[in-house]
Amino acid sequence: MKAAVLVFPGSNCDRDLAVALRGAGFDVEMVWHKETALPKVDVVGVPGGFSYGDYLRCGAIAAQSPIATALKAHAEAGGYVMGVCNGFQILAETGLLPGALLRNAGLKYICKTVPLVVETADSAFTSGYAQGDTIDIPIAHHDGNYTADVDTLAMLKTEDRIAFTYGDNPNGSDADIAGILSANRRVLGMMPHPERRAEAVHGGTDGAAMFTGLAGALVSA
C-alpha cells in the first residue's frame, strides 16, 4: 500500500500523518505543493498545520497550488484522500467536499482533546470503529466551525456522509459536524487530529484504528 502526504509551506503535522500511515503499513512519500504530479499511490493525505495564504481564507490559496490539480484528479479517479484540520479546509476550498470552515464561534484558537462520536462505520476511514463509538481525539484549530446550507446538511445526513460529530461541540459547527465524506465515500475531511492519538506515547490510541482500518479496507478491496 502506498500513500503520499502533501507538504505546504506552513504544514506542521505532515510528519505526524506520515508516521501514522507508516505505522499502519503504508509506504509513504512526501510531496511538495509545487509539484504538478503525484506518485502512483492509493491514498493522499492532506495534513494539518497552516498552508500559505491562510490569512486570506484558510486553504483558499493552497487550493490553487500546482499539486491541487493532481489531487483533484486522484480523487475524481476514485483514489482515497484524507484531509485533517487545514487539510479539511483545503478539501473544501478545492470543491472535493461541500461546505466551508469558518472561524470558531468563540473567536479563539482551541487546542485540547475532545470526544468524537463515530456516526458511520461505512467507509474505509471509519471501518476500524463501530457506529456510535465515542473516541477521544485532539483538536487544534482557529477556523474549524463547519458550515453548509440547509440542503447540504440534509444531504450529508440522508446519504450517511457525516463521519464524526463532536460529543461536546467546541467551535459552533453546524449539526456538531467534525468530519464528512464525499459522495463516493473515498474522501474524508475532519478537523480533529487522529494522527495525534495513534501511539500510546501520545496519551491514547483512539486514532490508530482509522489508519489500520483504512489499510485493512484497501487490502480486502
Protein backbone atom coordinates (compact mmCIF):
# COMPACT_ATOMS: atom_id res chain seq x y z
CA MET A 1 0.00 0.00 0.00
CA LYS A 2 1.31 3.40 -0.95
CA ALA A 3 0.44 6.86 0.33
CA ALA A 4 1.52 10.41 -0.39
CA VAL A 5 1.43 13.25 2.15
CA LEU A 6 1.27 16.76 0.69
CA VAL A 7 3.50 19.41 2.23
CA PHE A 8 2.68 23.12 2.18
CA PRO A 9 4.95 25.95 3.43
CA GLY A 10 3.20 26.04 6.82
CA SER A 11 2.40 22.35 7.31
CA ASN A 12 3.29 21.23 10.83
CA CYS A 13 1.52 17.87 11.01
CA ASP A 14 2.85 16.36 7.79
CA ARG A 15 5.39 14.16 9.56
CA ASP A 16 2.80 13.11 12.17
CA LEU A 17 0.44 11.97 9.42
CA ALA A 18 3.23 10.14 7.60
CA VAL A 19 4.28 8.34 10.81
CA ALA A 20 0.69 7.23 11.49
CA LEU A 21 0.31 5.92 7.92
CA ARG A 22 3.64 4.10 8.07
CA GLY A 23 2.61 2.56 11.38
CA ALA A 24 -0.40 1.05 9.61
CA GLY A 25 1.78 -0.45 6.88
CA PHE A 26 1.83 2.24 4.19
CA ASP A 27 4.88 3.18 2.16
CA VAL A 28 4.74 6.98 2.37
CA GLU A 29 6.21 9.64 0.08
CA MET A 30 6.21 13.34 0.93
CA VAL A 31 5.12 15.61 -1.96
CA TRP A 32 5.86 19.35 -2.04
CA HIS A 33 2.91 21.56 -3.02
CA LYS A 34 4.66 22.94 -6.11
CA GLU A 35 4.89 19.52 -7.71
CA THR A 36 2.47 19.02 -10.60
CA ALA A 37 2.04 15.26 -10.34
CA LEU A 38 1.50 12.64 -7.67
CA PRO A 39 3.35 9.34 -7.48
CA LYS A 40 1.18 6.27 -8.03
CA VAL A 41 -0.47 5.88 -4.62
CA ASP A 42 -3.62 4.51 -3.02
CA VAL A 43 -4.11 7.33 -0.51
CA VAL A 44 -3.23 11.03 -0.42
CA GLY A 45 -3.00 12.70 2.98
CA VAL A 46 -3.51 16.46 3.26
CA PRO A 47 -2.11 17.34 6.68
CA GLY A 48 -2.89 19.90 9.31
CA GLY A 49 -0.88 22.97 10.19
CA PHE A 50 -1.07 26.11 8.09
CA SER A 51 -0.94 26.46 4.33
CA TYR A 52 0.34 29.72 2.92
CA GLY A 53 -2.26 32.47 2.45
CA ASP A 54 -4.43 31.34 5.36
CA TYR A 55 -4.71 34.98 6.43
CA LEU A 56 -6.96 35.49 3.39
CA ARG A 57 -9.11 32.40 3.94
CA CYS A 58 -7.89 29.09 5.28
CA GLY A 59 -6.94 26.75 2.44
CA ALA A 60 -8.04 29.12 -0.33
CA ILE A 61 -4.57 29.81 -1.72
CA ALA A 62 -3.33 26.27 -1.11
CA ALA A 63 -6.24 25.02 -3.21
CA GLN A 64 -4.64 26.84 -6.16
CA SER A 65 -1.23 25.16 -5.70
CA PRO A 66 0.10 23.12 -8.65
CA ILE A 67 -0.40 19.87 -6.74
CA ALA A 68 -4.11 20.62 -6.25
CA THR A 69 -4.88 19.69 -9.86
CA ALA A 70 -3.29 16.28 -9.37
CA LEU A 71 -5.06 15.88 -6.04
CA LYS A 72 -8.45 16.50 -7.64
CA ALA A 73 -7.65 14.13 -10.50
CA HIS A 74 -6.68 11.43 -7.99
CA ALA A 75 -9.95 11.86 -6.11
CA GLU A 76 -12.07 12.01 -9.26
CA ALA A 77 -10.48 8.76 -10.45
CA GLY A 78 -11.65 7.05 -7.26
CA GLY A 79 -8.48 7.44 -5.20
CA TYR A 80 -8.62 7.86 -1.44
CA VAL A 81 -7.94 11.26 0.14
CA MET A 82 -7.73 12.12 3.83
CA GLY A 83 -7.66 15.78 4.87
CA VAL A 84 -7.05 16.69 8.51
CA CYS A 85 -7.61 20.17 10.01
CA ASN A 86 -6.04 22.55 7.48
CA GLY A 87 -6.30 19.63 5.07
CA PHE A 88 -10.08 19.62 5.57
CA GLN A 89 -10.13 23.34 4.80
CA ILE A 90 -8.15 22.72 1.61
CA LEU A 91 -10.50 19.93 0.51
CA ALA A 92 -13.47 22.24 0.99
CA GLU A 93 -11.74 25.00 -0.99
CA THR A 94 -10.95 22.63 -3.88
CA GLY A 95 -14.60 21.56 -4.01
CA LEU A 96 -13.79 17.94 -3.19
CA LEU A 97 -16.02 18.29 -0.12
CA PRO A 98 -19.06 20.54 0.36
CA GLY A 99 -19.39 23.33 2.88
CA ALA A 100 -16.84 25.68 4.43
CA LEU A 101 -14.84 26.09 7.61
CA LEU A 102 -15.36 29.38 9.43
CA ARG A 103 -13.72 30.99 12.44
CA ASN A 104 -14.60 29.27 15.70
CA ALA A 105 -17.77 30.58 17.31
CA GLY A 106 -15.79 31.75 20.33
CA LEU A 107 -13.28 33.57 18.07
CA LYS A 108 -10.40 31.82 19.83
CA TYR A 109 -7.89 29.13 18.91
CA ILE A 110 -8.76 25.83 20.61
CA CYS A 111 -6.23 23.13 21.47
CA LYS A 112 -7.49 20.23 23.57
CA THR A 113 -8.69 16.64 23.40
CA VAL A 114 -12.41 16.23 22.69
CA PRO A 115 -14.85 13.32 22.45
CA LEU A 116 -15.96 12.37 18.94
CA VAL A 117 -18.92 10.18 18.06
CA VAL A 118 -18.45 7.82 15.12
CA GLU A 119 -21.58 8.45 13.04
CA THR A 120 -20.89 5.84 10.36
CA ALA A 121 -18.59 2.84 10.06
CA ASP A 122 -19.46 2.52 6.36
CA SER A 123 -16.24 3.92 4.90
CA ALA A 124 -12.65 2.78 4.61
CA PHE A 125 -11.64 5.55 7.00
CA THR A 126 -14.12 4.62 9.74
CA SER A 127 -14.23 0.85 9.24
CA GLY A 128 -11.99 0.32 12.27
CA TYR A 129 -14.74 1.63 14.53
CA ALA A 130 -18.36 0.76 15.25
CA GLN A 131 -21.15 3.24 14.65
CA GLY A 132 -21.86 5.02 17.90
CA ASP A 133 -18.36 4.60 19.32
CA THR A 134 -17.02 7.58 21.27
CA ILE A 135 -13.31 8.26 20.80
CA ASP A 136 -11.02 10.91 22.26
CA ILE A 137 -9.11 12.87 19.60
CA PRO A 138 -7.18 16.18 19.88
CA ILE A 139 -8.21 19.36 18.10
CA ALA A 140 -6.02 22.38 17.34
CA HIS A 141 -7.74 24.98 15.21
CA HIS A 142 -8.94 28.56 14.94
CA ASP A 143 -11.20 28.08 11.92
CA GLY A 144 -12.90 24.73 12.48
CA ASN A 145 -16.52 25.86 12.53
CA TYR A 146 -18.06 23.72 9.76
CA THR A 147 -20.99 25.30 7.96
CA ALA A 148 -23.18 24.40 5.00
CA ASP A 149 -26.60 25.37 3.71
CA VAL A 150 -29.70 23.53 4.87
CA ASP A 151 -29.94 21.37 1.75
CA THR A 152 -26.31 20.30 2.01
CA LEU A 153 -26.66 19.39 5.68
CA ALA A 154 -29.79 17.37 4.89
CA MET A 155 -27.96 15.61 2.04
CA LEU A 156 -25.00 14.71 4.28
CA LYS A 157 -27.35 13.23 6.84
CA THR A 158 -29.55 11.39 4.35
CA GLU A 159 -26.58 9.91 2.49
CA ASP A 160 -24.83 8.87 5.75
CA ARG A 161 -21.87 11.08 4.91
CA ILE A 162 -21.30 12.57 8.36
CA ALA A 163 -18.27 10.62 9.57
CA PHE A 164 -17.85 12.16 13.02
CA THR A 165 -19.66 14.59 15.30
CA TYR A 166 -18.41 16.35 18.41
CA GLY A 167 -19.68 14.92 21.67
CA ASP A 168 -19.34 18.44 23.08
CA ASN A 169 -19.25 20.98 20.25
CA PRO A 170 -16.19 23.22 20.81
CA ASN A 171 -16.43 25.52 17.79
CA GLY A 172 -20.07 26.02 16.74
CA SER A 173 -20.04 23.61 13.79
CA ASP A 174 -23.44 23.04 12.18
CA ALA A 175 -25.02 19.78 13.39
CA ASP A 176 -21.91 19.26 15.59
CA ILE A 177 -20.06 18.05 12.47
CA ALA A 178 -16.40 17.14 12.98
CA GLY A 179 -15.83 15.20 9.74
CA ILE A 180 -17.60 14.39 6.48
CA LEU A 181 -17.26 12.06 3.48
CA SER A 182 -17.53 12.61 -0.26
CA ALA A 183 -20.37 11.10 -2.28
CA ASN A 184 -18.23 8.06 -3.19
CA ARG A 185 -17.05 7.80 0.46
CA ARG A 186 -13.39 7.88 -0.61
CA VAL A 187 -12.60 11.44 0.50
CA LEU A 188 -12.64 12.26 4.22
CA GLY A 189 -12.25 15.69 5.75
CA MET A 190 -12.07 16.11 9.52
CA MET A 191 -10.90 18.83 11.88
CA PRO A 192 -9.64 16.68 14.80
CA HIS A 193 -6.21 15.06 14.55
CA PRO A 194 -6.31 11.23 14.66
CA GLU A 195 -2.56 11.11 13.92
CA ARG A 196 -2.01 12.69 17.34
CA ARG A 197 -3.66 9.69 19.03
CA ALA A 198 -2.10 6.90 17.01
CA GLU A 199 0.50 5.71 19.54
CA ALA A 200 0.39 5.08 23.29
CA VAL A 201 3.11 7.68 23.84
CA HIS A 202 0.58 10.28 22.63
CA GLY A 203 -1.56 9.59 25.67
CA GLY A 204 -4.06 7.40 23.84
CA THR A 205 -4.51 5.30 20.72
CA ASP A 206 -8.09 6.08 19.69
CA GLY A 207 -6.88 7.44 16.35
CA ALA A 208 -4.91 4.35 15.39
CA ALA A 209 -7.97 2.42 14.21
CA MET A 210 -8.52 4.99 11.47
CA PHE A 211 -5.19 4.14 9.86
CA THR A 212 -5.26 0.39 10.46
CA GLY A 213 -8.90 0.25 9.35
CA LEU A 214 -8.04 2.12 6.16
CA ALA A 215 -5.18 -0.27 5.48
CA GLY A 216 -7.40 -3.27 6.09
CA ALA A 217 -10.12 -1.93 3.84
CA LEU A 218 -7.66 -1.40 1.00
CA VAL A 219 -6.17 -4.86 1.36
CA SER A 220 -9.61 -6.51 1.25
CA ALA A 221 -10.93 -4.31 -1.58
